[in-house]
Amino acid sequence: MERFDFGPGTAFVPRGELLEGATVAPLTPPIAPGSPFQAAVVRFAPGGRILRHPATFPQILAVLDGSGEVSGDDGVAEPIAAGKAVFWGAGEEHEISTASGLTALIVEGEGLEPFRREP
């Protein structure tokens, strides 16, 4: 067993223009040859967001704490809160925002599919 930390003290502010008011604590290395998925805990401060952009890979955002709004290709913002998740397919336009703050686990990678219960 190997233990490691993903708390706020290990997080960093990513470079780029897509994230505002957010820090990232990686759980895996970035997607690379031989590494089909990547996962990170992302913490959004009040007013934080990920600007609208297409998903590079299929992606799941699972809200661990807090609440906010998410949208997909249609651009219609829908509420999301702790205990809920959303899946975006590769190429799907999406964005995330929060007025009060939000902590989420984001997993992405080729071939990723959400769990679906059989009826």
PDB file of N, CA and C in Angstrom:
ATOM      1  N   MET A   1       0.844  -1.174   0.000  1.00  0.00           N
ATOM      2  CA  MET A   1       0.000   0.000   0.000  1.00  0.00           C
ATOM      3  C   MET A   1       0.888   1.236   0.000  1.00  0.00           C
ATOM      4  N   GLU A   2       0.502   2.180  -0.806  1.00  0.00           N
ATOM      5  CA  GLU A   2       1.201   3.463  -0.851  1.00  0.00           C
ATOM      6  C   GLU A   2       0.190   4.561  -0.553  1.00  0.00           C
ATOM      7  N   ARG A   3       0.479   5.370   0.437  1.00  0.00           N
ATOM      8  CA  ARG A   3      -0.418   6.471   0.801  1.00  0.00           C
ATOM      9  C   ARG A   3       0.119   7.765   0.211  1.00  0.00           C
ATOM     10  N   PHE A   4      -0.807   8.639  -0.183  1.00  0.00           N
ATOM     11  CA  PHE A   4      -0.405   9.961  -0.656  1.00  0.00           C
ATOM     12  C   PHE A   4      -1.523  10.952  -0.384  1.00  0.00           C
ATOM     13  N   ASP A   5      -1.204  12.206  -0.463  1.00  0.00           N
ATOM     14  CA  ASP A   5      -2.107  13.285  -0.070  1.00  0.00           C
ATOM     15  C   ASP A   5      -2.682  13.980  -1.299  1.00  0.00           C
ATOM     16  N   PHE A   6      -3.950  14.332  -1.243  1.00  0.00           N
ATOM     17  CA  PHE A   6      -4.555  15.145  -2.292  1.00  0.00           C
ATOM     18  C   PHE A   6      -5.283  16.345  -1.675  1.00  0.00           C
ATOM     19  N   GLY A   7      -4.894  16.690  -0.450  1.00  0.00           N
ATOM     20  CA  GLY A   7      -5.513  17.815   0.249  1.00  0.00           C
ATOM     21  C   GLY A   7      -5.145  19.149  -0.373  1.00  0.00           C
ATOM     22  N   PRO A   8      -5.765  20.213   0.124  1.00  0.00           N
ATOM     23  CA  PRO A   8      -5.514  21.543  -0.422  1.00  0.00           C
ATOM     24  C   PRO A   8      -4.030  21.934  -0.441  1.00  0.00           C
ATOM     25  N   GLY A   9      -3.252  21.416   0.510  1.00  0.00           N
ATOM     26  CA  GLY A   9      -1.834  21.749   0.556  1.00  0.00           C
ATOM     27  C   GLY A   9      -1.023  21.178  -0.589  1.00  0.00           C
ATOM     28  N   THR A  10      -1.525  20.161  -1.268  1.00  0.00           N
ATOM     29  CA  THR A  10      -0.805  19.561  -2.390  1.00  0.00           C
ATOM     30  C   THR A  10      -1.296  20.061  -3.736  1.00  0.00           C
ATOM     31  N   ALA A  11      -2.374  20.835  -3.726  1.00  0.00           N
ATOM     32  CA  ALA A  11      -2.977  21.311  -4.972  1.00  0.00           C
ATOM     33  C   ALA A  11      -2.185  22.478  -5.549  1.00  0.00           C
ATOM     34  N   PHE A  12      -2.360  22.701  -6.841  1.00  0.00           N
ATOM     35  CA  PHE A  12      -1.710  23.825  -7.501  1.00  0.00           C
ATOM     36  C   PHE A  12      -2.730  24.546  -8.372  1.00  0.00           C
ATOM     37  N   VAL A  13      -2.416  25.765  -8.714  1.00  0.00           N
ATOM     38  CA  VAL A  13      -3.245  26.540  -9.631  1.00  0.00           C
ATOM     39  C   VAL A  13      -2.739  26.242 -11.030  1.00  0.00           C
ATOM     40  N   PRO A  14      -3.568  25.606 -11.857  1.00  0.00           N
ATOM     41  CA  PRO A  14      -3.104  25.238 -13.199  1.00  0.00           C
ATOM     42  C   PRO A  14      -2.931  26.449 -14.097  1.00  0.00           C
ATOM     43  N   ARG A  15      -1.997  26.327 -15.027  1.00  0.00           N
ATOM     44  CA  ARG A  15      -1.821  27.372 -16.028  1.00  0.00           C
ATOM     45  C   ARG A  15      -2.883  27.199 -17.097  1.00  0.00           C
ATOM     46  N   GLY A  16      -3.160  28.252 -17.796  1.00  0.00           N
ATOM     47  CA  GLY A  16      -4.135  28.170 -18.874  1.00  0.00           C
ATOM     48  C   GLY A  16      -5.276  29.127 -18.658  1.00  0.00           C
ATOM     49  N   GLU A  17      -6.118  29.201 -19.650  1.00  0.00           N
ATOM     50  CA  GLU A  17      -7.193  30.173 -19.626  1.00  0.00           C
ATOM     51  C   GLU A  17      -8.555  29.556 -19.332  1.00  0.00           C
ATOM     52  N   LEU A  18      -8.624  28.246 -19.126  1.00  0.00           N
ATOM     53  CA  LEU A  18      -9.914  27.602 -18.929  1.00  0.00           C
ATOM     54  C   LEU A  18     -10.404  27.607 -17.486  1.00  0.00           C
ATOM     55  N   LEU A  19      -9.496  27.594 -16.522  1.00  0.00           N
ATOM     56  CA  LEU A  19      -9.867  27.507 -15.115  1.00  0.00           C
ATOM     57  C   LEU A  19      -9.761  28.859 -14.426  1.00  0.00           C
ATOM     58  N   GLU A  20     -10.810  29.205 -13.687  1.00  0.00           N
ATOM     59  CA  GLU A  20     -10.803  30.426 -12.882  1.00  0.00           C
ATOM     60  C   GLU A  20     -11.196  30.062 -11.457  1.00  0.00           C
ATOM     61  N   GLY A  21     -10.393  30.479 -10.480  1.00  0.00           N
ATOM     62  CA  GLY A  21     -10.714  30.225  -9.084  1.00  0.00           C
ATOM     63  C   GLY A  21     -10.711  28.754  -8.727  1.00  0.00           C
ATOM     64  N   ALA A  22      -9.763  28.004  -9.293  1.00  0.00           N
ATOM     65  CA  ALA A  22      -9.719  26.558  -9.058  1.00  0.00           C
ATOM     66  C   ALA A  22      -8.302  26.092  -8.785  1.00  0.00           C
ATOM     67  N   THR A  23      -8.194  25.029  -7.982  1.00  0.00           N
ATOM     68  CA  THR A  23      -6.916  24.355  -7.776  1.00  0.00           C
ATOM     69  C   THR A  23      -7.095  22.886  -8.135  1.00  0.00           C
ATOM     70  N   VAL A  24      -5.988  22.243  -8.507  1.00  0.00           N
ATOM     71  CA  VAL A  24      -6.008  20.846  -8.943  1.00  0.00           C
ATOM     72  C   VAL A  24      -5.029  20.040  -8.086  1.00  0.00           C
ATOM     73  N   ALA A  25      -5.505  18.902  -7.569  1.00  0.00           N
ATOM     74  CA  ALA A  25      -4.654  17.952  -6.855  1.00  0.00           C
ATOM     75  C   ALA A  25      -4.697  16.632  -7.633  1.00  0.00           C
ATOM     76  N   PRO A  26      -3.677  16.363  -8.466  1.00  0.00           N
ATOM     77  CA  PRO A  26      -3.686  15.145  -9.285  1.00  0.00           C
ATOM     78  C   PRO A  26      -3.649  13.874  -8.437  1.00  0.00           C
ATOM     79  N   LEU A  27      -4.378  12.862  -8.889  1.00  0.00           N
ATOM     80  CA  LEU A  27      -4.348  11.542  -8.267  1.00  0.00           C
ATOM     81  C   LEU A  27      -3.571  10.554  -9.122  1.00  0.00           C
ATOM     82  N   THR A  28      -3.446  10.849 -10.421  1.00  0.00           N
ATOM     83  CA  THR A  28      -2.704   9.998 -11.353  1.00  0.00           C
ATOM     84  C   THR A  28      -1.834  10.887 -12.229  1.00  0.00           C
ATOM     85  N   PRO A  29      -0.874  10.297 -12.921  1.00  0.00           N
ATOM     86  CA  PRO A  29      -0.131  11.084 -13.912  1.00  0.00           C
ATOM     87  C   PRO A  29      -1.078  11.490 -15.044  1.00  0.00           C
ATOM     88  N   PRO A  30      -0.696  12.505 -15.811  1.00  0.00           N
ATOM     89  CA  PRO A  30      -1.517  12.896 -16.968  1.00  0.00           C
ATOM     90  C   PRO A  30      -1.613  11.758 -17.984  1.00  0.00           C
ATOM     91  N   ILE A  31      -2.657  11.841 -18.805  1.00  0.00           N
ATOM     92  CA  ILE A  31      -2.816  10.845 -19.865  1.00  0.00           C
ATOM     93  C   ILE A  31      -1.577  10.862 -20.751  1.00  0.00           C
ATOM     94  N   ALA A  32      -1.048   9.681 -20.957  1.00  0.00           N
ATOM     95  CA  ALA A  32       0.157   9.519 -21.787  1.00  0.00           C
ATOM     96  C   ALA A  32       0.140   8.098 -22.324  1.00  0.00           C
ATOM     97  N   PRO A  33       1.018   7.789 -23.251  1.00  0.00           N
ATOM     98  CA  PRO A  33       1.078   6.395 -23.713  1.00  0.00           C
ATOM     99  C   PRO A  33       1.255   5.455 -22.519  1.00  0.00           C
ATOM    100  N   GLY A  34       0.398   4.470 -22.439  1.00  0.00           N
ATOM    101  CA  GLY A  34       0.474   3.525 -21.330  1.00  0.00           C
ATOM    102  C   GLY A  34      -0.351   3.930 -20.128  1.00  0.00           C
ATOM    103  N   SER A  35      -0.879   5.137 -20.110  1.00  0.00           N
ATOM    104  CA  SER A  35      -1.732   5.615 -19.027  1.00  0.00           C
ATOM    105  C   SER A  35      -3.049   6.075 -19.640  1.00  0.00           C
ATOM    106  N   PRO A  36      -4.051   5.203 -19.689  1.00  0.00           N
ATOM    107  CA  PRO A  36      -5.267   5.519 -20.426  1.00  0.00           C
ATOM    108  C   PRO A  36      -6.207   6.506 -19.741  1.00  0.00           C
ATOM    109  N   PHE A  37      -6.044   6.721 -18.438  1.00  0.00           N
ATOM    110  CA  PHE A  37      -6.929   7.620 -17.703  1.00  0.00           C
ATOM    111  C   PHE A  37      -6.126   8.590 -16.859  1.00  0.00           C
ATOM    112  N   GLN A  38      -6.766   9.693 -16.493  1.00  0.00           N
ATOM    113  CA  GLN A  38      -6.195  10.585 -15.493  1.00  0.00           C
ATOM    114  C   GLN A  38      -7.309  10.998 -14.551  1.00  0.00           C
ATOM    115  N   ALA A  39      -6.929  11.258 -13.296  1.00  0.00           N
ATOM    116  CA  ALA A  39      -7.893  11.634 -12.275  1.00  0.00           C
ATOM    117  C   ALA A  39      -7.299  12.729 -11.404  1.00  0.00           C
ATOM    118  N   ALA A  40      -8.163  13.635 -10.958  1.00  0.00           N
ATOM    119  CA  ALA A  40      -7.724  14.722 -10.091  1.00  0.00           C
ATOM    120  C   ALA A  40      -8.890  15.210  -9.251  1.00  0.00           C
ATOM    121  N   VAL A  41      -8.571  15.757  -8.091  1.00  0.00           N
ATOM    122  CA  VAL A  41      -9.558  16.453  -7.269  1.00  0.00           C
ATOM    123  C   VAL A  41      -9.402  17.933  -7.578  1.00  0.00           C
ATOM    124  N   VAL A  42     -10.503  18.552  -7.981  1.00  0.00           N
ATOM    125  CA  VAL A  42     -10.490  19.969  -8.335  1.00  0.00           C
ATOM    126  C   VAL A  42     -11.357  20.709  -7.325  1.00  0.00           C
ATOM    127  N   ARG A  43     -10.789  21.753  -6.741  1.00  0.00           N
ATOM    128  CA  ARG A  43     -11.512  22.574  -5.772  1.00  0.00           C
ATOM    129  C   ARG A  43     -11.770  23.952  -6.383  1.00  0.00           C
ATOM    130  N   PHE A  44     -13.041  24.319  -6.404  1.00  0.00           N
ATOM    131  CA  PHE A  44     -13.442  25.623  -6.935  1.00  0.00           C
ATOM    132  C   PHE A  44     -13.806  26.538  -5.781  1.00  0.00           C
ATOM    133  N   ALA A  45     -13.202  27.698  -5.729  1.00  0.00           N
ATOM    134  CA  ALA A  45     -13.572  28.712  -4.752  1.00  0.00           C
ATOM    135  C   ALA A  45     -14.928  29.289  -5.148  1.00  0.00           C
ATOM    136  N   PRO A  46     -15.614  29.989  -4.243  1.00  0.00           N
ATOM    137  CA  PRO A  46     -16.842  30.661  -4.644  1.00  0.00           C
ATOM    138  C   PRO A  46     -16.582  31.538  -5.876  1.00  0.00           C
ATOM    139  N   GLY A  47     -17.434  31.409  -6.867  1.00  0.00           N
ATOM    140  CA  GLY A  47     -17.260  32.139  -8.125  1.00  0.00           C
ATOM    141  C   GLY A  47     -16.349  31.441  -9.115  1.00  0.00           C
ATOM    142  N   GLY A  48     -15.803  30.263  -8.751  1.00  0.00           N
ATOM    143  CA  GLY A  48     -14.885  29.541  -9.626  1.00  0.00           C
ATOM    144  C   GLY A  48     -15.606  28.883 -10.793  1.00  0.00           C
ATOM    145  N   ARG A  49     -14.820  28.577 -11.830  1.00  0.00           N
ATOM    146  CA  ARG A  49     -15.431  27.928 -12.988  1.00  0.00           C
ATOM    147  C   ARG A  49     -14.389  27.360 -13.944  1.00  0.00           C
ATOM    148  N   ILE A  50     -14.872  26.475 -14.793  1.00  0.00           N
ATOM    149  CA  ILE A  50     -14.128  26.019 -15.962  1.00  0.00           C
ATOM    150  C   ILE A  50     -14.901  26.570 -17.146  1.00  0.00           C
ATOM    151  N   LEU A  51     -14.226  27.353 -17.954  1.00  0.00           N
ATOM    152  CA  LEU A  51     -14.883  27.975 -19.095  1.00  0.00           C
ATOM    153  C   LEU A  51     -15.284  26.937 -20.137  1.00  0.00           C
ATOM    154  N   ARG A  52     -16.249  27.288 -20.940  1.00  0.00           N
ATOM    155  CA  ARG A  52     -16.780  26.407 -21.978  1.00  0.00           C
ATOM    156  C   ARG A  52     -15.667  25.968 -22.934  1.00  0.00           C
ATOM    157  N   HIS A  53     -15.600  24.639 -23.151  1.00  0.00           N
ATOM    158  CA  HIS A  53     -14.598  24.061 -24.042  1.00  0.00           C
ATOM    159  C   HIS A  53     -15.023  22.639 -24.400  1.00  0.00           C
ATOM    160  N   PRO A  54     -14.484  22.067 -25.469  1.00  0.00           N
ATOM    161  CA  PRO A  54     -14.804  20.677 -25.797  1.00  0.00           C
ATOM    162  C   PRO A  54     -13.973  19.712 -24.945  1.00  0.00           C
ATOM    163  N   ALA A  55     -14.594  18.617 -24.533  1.00  0.00           N
ATOM    164  CA  ALA A  55     -13.874  17.579 -23.789  1.00  0.00           C
ATOM    165  C   ALA A  55     -12.886  16.888 -24.736  1.00  0.00           C
ATOM    166  N   THR A  56     -11.643  16.787 -24.318  1.00  0.00           N
ATOM    167  CA  THR A  56     -10.634  16.099 -25.119  1.00  0.00           C
ATOM    168  C   THR A  56     -10.889  14.603 -25.126  1.00  0.00           C
ATOM    169  N   PHE A  57     -11.276  14.071 -23.972  1.00  0.00           N
ATOM    170  CA  PHE A  57     -11.586  12.655 -23.787  1.00  0.00           C
ATOM    171  C   PHE A  57     -12.935  12.562 -23.085  1.00  0.00           C
ATOM    172  N   PRO A  58     -13.577  11.393 -23.085  1.00  0.00           N
ATOM    173  CA  PRO A  58     -14.749  11.219 -22.244  1.00  0.00           C
ATOM    174  C   PRO A  58     -14.380  11.574 -20.798  1.00  0.00           C
ATOM    175  N   GLN A  59     -15.314  12.181 -20.074  1.00  0.00           N
ATOM    176  CA  GLN A  59     -14.986  12.741 -18.760  1.00  0.00           C
ATOM    177  C   GLN A  59     -16.154  12.587 -17.797  1.00  0.00           C
ATOM    178  N   ILE A  60     -15.832  12.247 -16.552  1.00  0.00           N
ATOM    179  CA  ILE A  60     -16.822  12.212 -15.471  1.00  0.00           C
ATOM    180  C   ILE A  60     -16.406  13.238 -14.433  1.00  0.00           C
ATOM    181  N   LEU A  61     -17.361  14.065 -14.023  1.00  0.00           N
ATOM    182  CA  LEU A  61     -17.175  15.003 -12.922  1.00  0.00           C
ATOM    183  C   LEU A  61     -18.123  14.559 -11.821  1.00  0.00           C
ATOM    184  N   ALA A  62     -17.579  14.153 -10.670  1.00  0.00           N
ATOM    185  CA  ALA A  62     -18.372  13.715  -9.520  1.00  0.00           C
ATOM    186  C   ALA A  62     -18.195  14.738  -8.406  1.00  0.00           C
ATOM    187  N   VAL A  63     -19.285  15.364  -7.995  1.00  0.00           N
ATOM    188  CA  VAL A  63     -19.223  16.410  -6.971  1.00  0.00           C
ATOM    189  C   VAL A  63     -19.138  15.760  -5.592  1.00  0.00           C
ATOM    190  N   LEU A  64     -18.067  16.082  -4.872  1.00  0.00           N
ATOM    191  CA  LEU A  64     -17.834  15.533  -3.543  1.00  0.00           C
ATOM    192  C   LEU A  64     -18.381  16.443  -2.450  1.00  0.00           C
ATOM    193  N   ASP A  65     -18.352  17.748  -2.697  1.00  0.00           N
ATOM    194  CA  ASP A  65     -18.786  18.729  -1.701  1.00  0.00           C
ATOM    195  C   ASP A  65     -19.207  19.999  -2.422  1.00  0.00           C
ATOM    196  N   GLY A  66     -20.211  20.669  -1.899  1.00  0.00           N
ATOM    197  CA  GLY A  66     -20.638  21.937  -2.473  1.00  0.00           C
ATOM    198  C   GLY A  66     -21.649  21.748  -3.584  1.00  0.00           C
ATOM    199  N   SER A  67     -21.841  22.818  -4.349  1.00  0.00           N
ATOM    200  CA  SER A  67     -22.817  22.783  -5.433  1.00  0.00           C
ATOM    201  C   SER A  67     -22.444  23.795  -6.501  1.00  0.00           C
ATOM    202  N   GLY A  68     -23.069  23.661  -7.655  1.00  0.00           N
ATOM    203  CA  GLY A  68     -22.799  24.575  -8.756  1.00  0.00           C
ATOM    204  C   GLY A  68     -23.726  24.277  -9.913  1.00  0.00           C
ATOM    205  N   GLU A  69     -23.277  24.636 -11.101  1.00  0.00           N
ATOM    206  CA  GLU A  69     -24.035  24.396 -12.319  1.00  0.00           C
ATOM    207  C   GLU A  69     -23.106  23.809 -13.378  1.00  0.00           C
ATOM    208  N   VAL A  70     -23.660  22.922 -14.200  1.00  0.00           N
ATOM    209  CA  VAL A  70     -22.931  22.325 -15.313  1.00  0.00           C
ATOM    210  C   VAL A  70     -23.781  22.441 -16.567  1.00  0.00           C
ATOM    211  N   SER A  71     -23.123  22.429 -17.715  1.00  0.00           N
ATOM    212  CA  SER A  71     -23.863  22.404 -18.973  1.00  0.00           C
ATOM    213  C   SER A  71     -23.105  21.539 -19.966  1.00  0.00           C
ATOM    214  N   GLY A  72     -23.849  21.065 -20.963  1.00  0.00           N
ATOM    215  CA  GLY A  72     -23.281  20.256 -22.027  1.00  0.00           C
ATOM    216  C   GLY A  72     -23.374  20.996 -23.343  1.00  0.00           C
ATOM    217  N   ASP A  73     -23.480  20.235 -24.431  1.00  0.00           N
ATOM    218  CA  ASP A  73     -23.523  20.819 -25.770  1.00  0.00           C
ATOM    219  C   ASP A  73     -24.605  21.874 -25.945  1.00  0.00           C
ATOM    220  N   ASP A  74     -25.762  21.690 -25.283  1.00  0.00           N
ATOM    221  CA  ASP A  74     -26.867  22.628 -25.476  1.00  0.00           C
ATOM    222  C   ASP A  74     -26.655  23.956 -24.753  1.00  0.00           C
ATOM    223  N   GLY A  75     -25.658  24.035 -23.861  1.00  0.00           N
ATOM    224  CA  GLY A  75     -25.358  25.274 -23.152  1.00  0.00           C
ATOM    225  C   GLY A  75     -26.330  25.621 -22.045  1.00  0.00           C
ATOM    226  N   VAL A  76     -27.285  24.754 -21.759  1.00  0.00           N
ATOM    227  CA  VAL A  76     -28.272  25.012 -20.710  1.00  0.00           C
ATOM    228  C   VAL A  76     -27.683  24.606 -19.361  1.00  0.00           C
ATOM    229  N   ALA A  77     -27.560  25.576 -18.440  1.00  0.00           N
ATOM    230  CA  ALA A  77     -26.996  25.316 -17.113  1.00  0.00           C
ATOM    231  C   ALA A  77     -27.995  24.541 -16.263  1.00  0.00           C
ATOM    232  N   GLU A  78     -27.494  23.471 -15.628  1.00  0.00           N
ATOM    233  CA  GLU A  78     -28.310  22.648 -14.746  1.00  0.00           C
ATOM    234  C   GLU A  78     -27.613  22.551 -13.397  1.00  0.00           C
ATOM    235  N   PRO A  79     -28.370  22.550 -12.289  1.00  0.00           N
ATOM    236  CA  PRO A  79     -27.747  22.449 -10.969  1.00  0.00           C
ATOM    237  C   PRO A  79     -27.119  21.082 -10.742  1.00  0.00           C
ATOM    238  N   ILE A  80     -26.048  21.087  -9.947  1.00  0.00           N
ATOM    239  CA  ILE A  80     -25.406  19.835  -9.527  1.00  0.00           C
ATOM    240  C   ILE A  80     -24.906  20.051  -8.100  1.00  0.00           C
ATOM    241  N   ALA A  81     -24.954  18.997  -7.288  1.00  0.00           N
ATOM    242  CA  ALA A  81     -24.551  19.109  -5.889  1.00  0.00           C
ATOM    243  C   ALA A  81     -23.855  17.823  -5.457  1.00  0.00           C
ATOM    244  N   ALA A  82     -23.330  17.839  -4.233  1.00  0.00           N
ATOM    245  CA  ALA A  82     -22.614  16.687  -3.685  1.00  0.00           C
ATOM    246  C   ALA A  82     -23.432  15.411  -3.853  1.00  0.00           C
ATOM    247  N   GLY A  83     -22.766  14.346  -4.277  1.00  0.00           N
ATOM    248  CA  GLY A  83     -23.410  13.063  -4.480  1.00  0.00           C
ATOM    249  C   GLY A  83     -23.912  12.847  -5.893  1.00  0.00           C
ATOM    250  N   LYS A  84     -23.757  13.833  -6.753  1.00  0.00           N
ATOM    251  CA  LYS A  84     -24.198  13.729  -8.144  1.00  0.00           C
ATOM    252  C   LYS A  84     -22.994  13.813  -9.067  1.00  0.00           C
ATOM    253  N   ALA A  85     -23.154  13.262 -10.271  1.00  0.00           N
ATOM    254  CA  ALA A  85     -22.066  13.260 -11.249  1.00  0.00           C
ATOM    255  C   ALA A  85     -22.635  13.551 -12.628  1.00  0.00           C
ATOM    256  N   VAL A  86     -21.761  13.923 -13.536  1.00  0.00           N
ATOM    257  CA  VAL A  86     -22.137  14.172 -14.921  1.00  0.00           C
ATOM    258  C   VAL A  86     -21.067  13.554 -15.817  1.00  0.00           C
ATOM    259  N   PHE A  87     -21.499  13.092 -16.990  1.00  0.00           N
ATOM    260  CA  PHE A  87     -20.593  12.499 -17.972  1.00  0.00           C
ATOM    261  C   PHE A  87     -20.659  13.328 -19.248  1.00  0.00           C
ATOM    262  N   TRP A  88     -19.503  13.659 -19.783  1.00  0.00           N
ATOM    263  CA  TRP A  88     -19.422  14.333 -21.074  1.00  0.00           C
ATOM    264  C   TRP A  88     -18.629  13.439 -22.014  1.00  0.00           C
ATOM    265  N   GLY A  89     -19.118  13.273 -23.230  1.00  0.00           N
ATOM    266  CA  GLY A  89     -18.416  12.497 -24.235  1.00  0.00           C
ATOM    267  C   GLY A  89     -17.301  13.312 -24.871  1.00  0.00           C
ATOM    268  N   ALA A  90     -16.371  12.635 -25.522  1.00  0.00           N
ATOM    269  CA  ALA A  90     -15.268  13.308 -26.217  1.00  0.00           C
ATOM    270  C   ALA A  90     -15.844  14.295 -27.226  1.00  0.00           C
ATOM    271  N   GLY A  91     -15.325  15.502 -27.218  1.00  0.00           N
ATOM    272  CA  GLY A  91     -15.755  16.544 -28.135  1.00  0.00           C
ATOM    273  C   GLY A  91     -16.952  17.342 -27.662  1.00  0.00           C
ATOM    274  N   GLU A  92     -17.615  16.898 -26.589  1.00  0.00           N
ATOM    275  CA  GLU A  92     -18.801  17.606 -26.110  1.00  0.00           C
ATOM    276  C   GLU A  92     -18.410  18.919 -25.427  1.00  0.00           C
ATOM    277  N   GLU A  93     -19.017  20.001 -25.852  1.00  0.00           N
ATOM    278  CA  GLU A  93     -18.807  21.305 -25.219  1.00  0.00           C
ATOM    279  C   GLU A  93     -19.406  21.258 -23.818  1.00  0.00           C
ATOM    280  N   HIS A  94     -18.698  21.817 -22.856  1.00  0.00           N
ATOM    281  CA  HIS A  94     -19.204  21.822 -21.483  1.00  0.00           C
ATOM    282  C   HIS A  94     -18.555  22.929 -20.669  1.00  0.00           C
ATOM    283  N   GLU A  95     -19.192  23.224 -19.529  1.00  0.00           N
ATOM    284  CA  GLU A  95     -18.617  24.173 -18.572  1.00  0.00           C
ATOM    285  C   GLU A  95     -19.168  23.890 -17.183  1.00  0.00           C
ATOM    286  N   ILE A  96     -18.473  24.423 -16.189  1.00  0.00           N
ATOM    287  CA  ILE A  96     -18.812  24.214 -14.787  1.00  0.00           C
ATOM    288  C   ILE A  96     -18.660  25.558 -14.087  1.00  0.00           C
ATOM    289  N   SER A  97     -19.595  25.889 -13.193  1.00  0.00           N
ATOM    290  CA  SER A  97     -19.455  27.104 -12.403  1.00  0.00           C
ATOM    291  C   SER A  97     -20.064  26.880 -11.028  1.00  0.00           C
ATOM    292  N   THR A  98     -19.625  27.689 -10.070  1.00  0.00           N
ATOM    293  CA  THR A  98     -20.173  27.606  -8.720  1.00  0.00           C
ATOM    294  C   THR A  98     -20.197  28.995  -8.088  1.00  0.00           C
ATOM    295  N   ALA A  99     -21.288  29.310  -7.445  1.00  0.00           N
ATOM    296  CA  ALA A  99     -21.388  30.579  -6.720  1.00  0.00           C
ATOM    297  C   ALA A  99     -20.840  30.425  -5.307  1.00  0.00           C
ATOM    298  N   SER A 100     -20.989  29.205  -4.728  1.00  0.00           N
ATOM    299  CA  SER A 100     -20.653  29.008  -3.318  1.00  0.00           C
ATOM    300  C   SER A 100     -19.420  28.147  -3.054  1.00  0.00           C
ATOM    301  N   GLY A 101     -18.864  27.511  -4.091  1.00  0.00           N
ATOM    302  CA  GLY A 101     -17.715  26.625  -3.930  1.00  0.00           C
ATOM    303  C   GLY A 101     -18.102  25.185  -4.191  1.00  0.00           C
ATOM    304  N   LEU A 102     -17.133  24.407  -4.665  1.00  0.00           N
ATOM    305  CA  LEU A 102     -17.418  23.031  -5.074  1.00  0.00           C
ATOM    306  C   LEU A 102     -16.104  22.250  -5.104  1.00  0.00           C
ATOM    307  N   THR A 103     -16.146  21.004  -4.649  1.00  0.00           N
ATOM    308  CA  THR A 103     -15.014  20.090  -4.767  1.00  0.00           C
ATOM    309  C   THR A 103     -15.476  18.891  -5.581  1.00  0.00           C
ATOM    310  N   ALA A 104     -14.705  18.529  -6.601  1.00  0.00           N
ATOM    311  CA  ALA A 104     -15.105  17.445  -7.490  1.00  0.00           C
ATOM    312  C   ALA A 104     -13.934  16.530  -7.811  1.00  0.00           C
ATOM    313  N   LEU A 105     -14.271  15.279  -8.081  1.00  0.00           N
ATOM    314  CA  LEU A 105     -13.328  14.319  -8.635  1.00  0.00           C
ATOM    315  C   LEU A 105     -13.578  14.300 -10.132  1.00  0.00           C
ATOM    316  N   ILE A 106     -12.532  14.527 -10.928  1.00  0.00           N
ATOM    317  CA  ILE A 106     -12.655  14.476 -12.381  1.00  0.00           C
ATOM    318  C   ILE A 106     -11.794  13.322 -12.884  1.00  0.00           C
ATOM    319  N   VAL A 107     -12.424  12.435 -13.653  1.00  0.00           N
ATOM    320  CA  VAL A 107     -11.738  11.297 -14.266  1.00  0.00           C
ATOM    321  C   VAL A 107     -11.974  11.402 -15.759  1.00  0.00           C
ATOM    322  N   GLU A 108     -10.913  11.239 -16.553  1.00  0.00           N
ATOM    323  CA  GLU A 108     -11.087  11.285 -17.999  1.00  0.00           C
ATOM    324  C   GLU A 108     -10.123  10.339 -18.686  1.00  0.00           C
ATOM    325  N   GLY A 109     -10.545   9.861 -19.860  1.00  0.00           N
ATOM    326  CA  GLY A 109      -9.695   8.973 -20.629  1.00  0.00           C
ATOM    327  C   GLY A 109     -10.478   8.275 -21.720  1.00  0.00           C
ATOM    328  N   GLU A 110      -9.747   7.829 -22.723  1.00  0.00           N
ATOM    329  CA  GLU A 110     -10.342   7.127 -23.857  1.00  0.00           C
ATOM    330  C   GLU A 110     -11.055   5.874 -23.373  1.00  0.00           C
ATOM    331  N   GLY A 111     -12.277   5.670 -23.818  1.00  0.00           N
ATOM    332  CA  GLY A 111     -13.033   4.480 -23.453  1.00  0.00           C
ATOM    333  C   GLY A 111     -13.769   4.578 -22.129  1.00  0.00           C
ATOM    334  N   LEU A 112     -13.645   5.699 -21.414  1.00  0.00           N
ATOM    335  CA  LEU A 112     -14.337   5.874 -20.139  1.00  0.00           C
ATOM    336  C   LEU A 112     -15.846   5.884 -20.369  1.00  0.00           C
ATOM    337  N   GLU A 113     -16.566   5.154 -19.551  1.00  0.00           N
ATOM    338  CA  GLU A 113     -18.025   5.109 -19.600  1.00  0.00           C
ATOM    339  C   GLU A 113     -18.564   5.213 -18.182  1.00  0.00           C
ATOM    340  N   PRO A 114     -19.703   5.876 -18.001  1.00  0.00           N
ATOM    341  CA  PRO A 114     -20.302   5.913 -16.666  1.00  0.00           C
ATOM    342  C   PRO A 114     -20.965   4.582 -16.347  1.00  0.00           C
ATOM    343  N   PHE A 115     -21.086   4.283 -15.076  1.00  0.00           N
ATOM    344  CA  PHE A 115     -21.805   3.083 -14.640  1.00  0.00           C
ATOM    345  C   PHE A 115     -23.286   3.307 -14.910  1.00  0.00           C
ATOM    346  N   ARG A 116     -23.916   2.352 -15.517  1.00  0.00           N
ATOM    347  CA  ARG A 116     -25.347   2.443 -15.792  1.00  0.00           C
ATOM    348  C   ARG A 116     -26.027   1.203 -15.210  1.00  0.00           C
ATOM    349  N   ARG A 117     -27.001   1.424 -14.352  1.00  0.00           N
ATOM    350  CA  ARG A 117     -27.750   0.305 -13.780  1.00  0.00           C
ATOM    351  C   ARG A 117     -28.666  -0.288 -14.823  1.00  0.00           C
ATOM    352  N   GLU A 118     -28.754  -1.590 -14.829  1.00  0.00           N
ATOM    353  CA  GLU A 118     -29.680  -2.258 -15.743  1.00  0.00           C
ATOM    354  C   GLU A 118     -31.077  -2.117 -15.191  1.00  0.00           C
ATOM    355  N   PRO A 119     -32.073  -1.881 -16.073  1.00  0.00           N
ATOM    356  CA  PRO A 119     -33.456  -1.705 -15.585  1.00  0.00           C
ATOM    357  C   PRO A 119     -34.022  -2.956 -14.965  1.00  0.00           C
TER     358      PRO A 119
END
